[in-house]
Amino acid sequence: MYAVVRSNSKQFKVAVGDVIELDALGFEPGDAVELGEVLMVVDGENVQIGAPIIDGASVRATVVGKIRGPKIEIFKFKAKKRYRKHAGHKQSYTRVKVDEIVA
């Protein structure tokens, strides 16, 4: 059994026991999270497709921890103009473990 859920305009295919990284949600490790935007649920031959989401379906998960992604370097320059700009960015993620798919 697996489901396709949407979180922060991104879609994830999840099954029970999977650990996924979502954009920072603001929860602490150990908190329970319910992802309510379920787009599709597949259970063997039984397939439910939402239009756009399935009413009453949800994915329950537990927050495992907070992590930060790899550093992205931003470097801008203009040739022959002595203009250089350097910056970096690290995206924050919330790592969750899927406990249950309710359909």
C-alpha atoms as a PDB file:
ATOM      1  CA  MET A   1       0.000   0.000   0.000  1.00  0.00           C
ATOM      2  CA  TYR A   2       1.288   3.441  -0.880  1.00  0.00           C
ATOM      3  CA  ALA A   3      -0.031   6.968  -1.225  1.00  0.00           C
ATOM      4  CA  VAL A   4       0.856  10.180  -3.004  1.00  0.00           C
ATOM      5  CA  VAL A   5       0.671  13.213  -0.704  1.00  0.00           C
ATOM      6  CA  ARG A   6       1.196  16.919  -1.261  1.00  0.00           C
ATOM      7  CA  SER A   7       3.089  19.106   1.196  1.00  0.00           C
ATOM      8  CA  ASN A   8       4.162  22.685   0.421  1.00  0.00           C
ATOM      9  CA  SER A   9       3.354  22.292  -3.303  1.00  0.00           C
ATOM     10  CA  LYS A  10       5.555  19.192  -3.609  1.00  0.00           C
ATOM     11  CA  GLN A  11       4.332  15.637  -4.121  1.00  0.00           C
ATOM     12  CA  PHE A  12       5.759  12.565  -2.392  1.00  0.00           C
ATOM     13  CA  LYS A  13       5.093   8.862  -2.895  1.00  0.00           C
ATOM     14  CA  VAL A  14       5.048   7.297   0.580  1.00  0.00           C
ATOM     15  CA  ALA A  15       4.518   3.871   2.114  1.00  0.00           C
ATOM     16  CA  VAL A  16       4.349   2.809   5.751  1.00  0.00           C
ATOM     17  CA  GLY A  17       7.844   2.934   7.261  1.00  0.00           C
ATOM     18  CA  ASP A  18       9.289   5.399   4.739  1.00  0.00           C
ATOM     19  CA  VAL A  19      11.339   8.351   5.963  1.00  0.00           C
ATOM     20  CA  ILE A  20      10.909  11.490   3.854  1.00  0.00           C
ATOM     21  CA  GLU A  21      12.212  15.041   4.049  1.00  0.00           C
ATOM     22  CA  LEU A  22       9.614  17.800   3.865  1.00  0.00           C
ATOM     23  CA  ASP A  23      10.218  21.540   3.850  1.00  0.00           C
ATOM     24  CA  ALA A  24      10.464  22.896   7.406  1.00  0.00           C
ATOM     25  CA  LEU A  25       7.119  22.404   9.163  1.00  0.00           C
ATOM     26  CA  GLY A  26       7.860  23.877  12.594  1.00  0.00           C
ATOM     27  CA  PHE A  27       7.356  20.676  14.594  1.00  0.00           C
ATOM     28  CA  GLU A  28       9.728  19.233  17.188  1.00  0.00           C
ATOM     29  CA  PRO A  29      11.184  15.693  17.034  1.00  0.00           C
ATOM     30  CA  GLY A  30       8.690  13.182  18.405  1.00  0.00           C
ATOM     31  CA  ASP A  31       5.604  15.202  17.417  1.00  0.00           C
ATOM     32  CA  ALA A  32       2.822  13.557  15.418  1.00  0.00           C
ATOM     33  CA  VAL A  33       2.074  15.075  12.004  1.00  0.00           C
ATOM     34  CA  GLU A  34      -0.970  14.447   9.830  1.00  0.00           C
ATOM     35  CA  LEU A  35      -0.635  15.082   6.112  1.00  0.00           C
ATOM     36  CA  GLY A  36      -4.199  15.658   4.920  1.00  0.00           C
ATOM     37  CA  GLU A  37      -3.668  16.369   1.225  1.00  0.00           C
ATOM     38  CA  VAL A  38      -3.711  12.815  -0.132  1.00  0.00           C
ATOM     39  CA  LEU A  39      -3.875  12.766  -3.937  1.00  0.00           C
ATOM     40  CA  MET A  40      -3.879   9.001  -4.542  1.00  0.00           C
ATOM     41  CA  VAL A  41      -3.980   5.763  -2.552  1.00  0.00           C
ATOM     42  CA  VAL A  42      -3.038   2.382  -4.034  1.00  0.00           C
ATOM     43  CA  ASP A  43      -3.827  -0.818  -2.114  1.00  0.00           C
ATOM     44  CA  GLY A  44      -3.099  -3.772  -4.380  1.00  0.00           C
ATOM     45  CA  GLU A  45      -5.684  -3.642  -7.167  1.00  0.00           C
ATOM     46  CA  ASN A  46      -7.760  -0.979  -5.382  1.00  0.00           C
ATOM     47  CA  VAL A  47      -6.784   2.506  -6.617  1.00  0.00           C
ATOM     48  CA  GLN A  48      -8.372   5.716  -5.319  1.00  0.00           C
ATOM     49  CA  ILE A  49      -7.634   8.921  -7.186  1.00  0.00           C
ATOM     50  CA  GLY A  50      -8.707  12.273  -5.795  1.00  0.00           C
ATOM     51  CA  ALA A  51     -10.100  15.230  -7.653  1.00  0.00           C
ATOM     52  CA  PRO A  52      -7.789  16.847  -6.523  1.00  0.00           C
ATOM     53  CA  ILE A  53      -7.665  15.263  -3.006  1.00  0.00           C
ATOM     54  CA  ILE A  54      -9.371  12.240  -1.429  1.00  0.00           C
ATOM     55  CA  ASP A  55     -11.915  13.196   1.237  1.00  0.00           C
ATOM     56  CA  GLY A  56     -11.264  11.522   4.588  1.00  0.00           C
ATOM     57  CA  ALA A  57      -7.837  10.168   3.642  1.00  0.00           C
ATOM     58  CA  SER A  58      -4.722  11.134   5.543  1.00  0.00           C
ATOM     59  CA  VAL A  59      -1.172  10.034   6.224  1.00  0.00           C
ATOM     60  CA  ARG A  60      -0.009   9.987   9.831  1.00  0.00           C
ATOM     61  CA  ALA A  61       3.688  10.435  10.507  1.00  0.00           C
ATOM     62  CA  THR A  62       6.119  11.142  13.336  1.00  0.00           C
ATOM     63  CA  VAL A  63       8.820  13.796  13.195  1.00  0.00           C
ATOM     64  CA  VAL A  64      12.257  12.159  13.365  1.00  0.00           C
ATOM     65  CA  GLY A  65      14.348  15.325  13.311  1.00  0.00           C
ATOM     66  CA  LYS A  66      15.300  18.585  11.676  1.00  0.00           C
ATOM     67  CA  ILE A  67      18.076  18.743   9.119  1.00  0.00           C
ATOM     68  CA  ARG A  68      19.584  21.252   6.713  1.00  0.00           C
ATOM     69  CA  GLY A  69      20.295  20.513   3.092  1.00  0.00           C
ATOM     70  CA  PRO A  70      23.517  21.047   1.198  1.00  0.00           C
ATOM     71  CA  LYS A  71      24.879  24.548   0.817  1.00  0.00           C
ATOM     72  CA  ILE A  72      24.009  26.237  -2.437  1.00  0.00           C
ATOM     73  CA  GLU A  73      26.497  28.840  -3.630  1.00  0.00           C
ATOM     74  CA  ILE A  74      25.144  31.956  -5.317  1.00  0.00           C
ATOM     75  CA  PHE A  75      27.742  33.961  -7.202  1.00  0.00           C
ATOM     76  CA  LYS A  76      26.922  36.896  -9.465  1.00  0.00           C
ATOM     77  CA  PHE A  77      29.327  39.035 -11.410  1.00  0.00           C
ATOM     78  CA  LYS A  78      29.417  41.413 -14.324  1.00  0.00           C
ATOM     79  CA  ALA A  79      32.415  41.292 -16.595  1.00  0.00           C
ATOM     80  CA  LYS A  80      34.647  44.383 -16.693  1.00  0.00           C
ATOM     81  CA  LYS A  81      32.479  46.248 -14.142  1.00  0.00           C
ATOM     82  CA  ARG A  82      34.105  45.220 -10.825  1.00  0.00           C
ATOM     83  CA  TYR A  83      30.786  43.818  -9.631  1.00  0.00           C
ATOM     84  CA  ARG A  84      30.845  40.593  -7.636  1.00  0.00           C
ATOM     85  CA  LYS A  85      28.260  39.291  -5.210  1.00  0.00           C
ATOM     86  CA  HIS A  86      28.616  36.058  -3.244  1.00  0.00           C
ATOM     87  CA  ALA A  87      26.017  34.412  -1.005  1.00  0.00           C
ATOM     88  CA  GLY A  88      25.049  30.972   0.220  1.00  0.00           C
ATOM     89  CA  HIS A  89      21.867  29.220   1.271  1.00  0.00           C
ATOM     90  CA  LYS A  90      20.991  26.056   3.218  1.00  0.00           C
ATOM     91  CA  GLN A  91      17.374  24.882   3.075  1.00  0.00           C
ATOM     92  CA  SER A  92      15.790  23.600   6.302  1.00  0.00           C
ATOM     93  CA  TYR A  93      13.939  20.282   6.178  1.00  0.00           C
ATOM     94  CA  THR A  94      11.816  18.267   8.585  1.00  0.00           C
ATOM     95  CA  ARG A  95      12.461  14.516   8.423  1.00  0.00           C
ATOM     96  CA  VAL A  96       9.334  12.439   9.108  1.00  0.00           C
ATOM     97  CA  LYS A  97       8.636   8.696   9.305  1.00  0.00           C
ATOM     98  CA  VAL A  98       5.310   7.487   7.892  1.00  0.00           C
ATOM     99  CA  ASP A  99       3.374   5.475  10.487  1.00  0.00           C
ATOM    100  CA  GLU A 100      -0.029   4.904   8.911  1.00  0.00           C
ATOM    101  CA  ILE A 101      -2.020   5.536   5.738  1.00  0.00           C
ATOM    102  CA  VAL A 102      -5.738   6.055   6.401  1.00  0.00           C
ATOM    103  CA  ALA A 103      -7.935   5.774   3.318  1.00  0.00           C
END
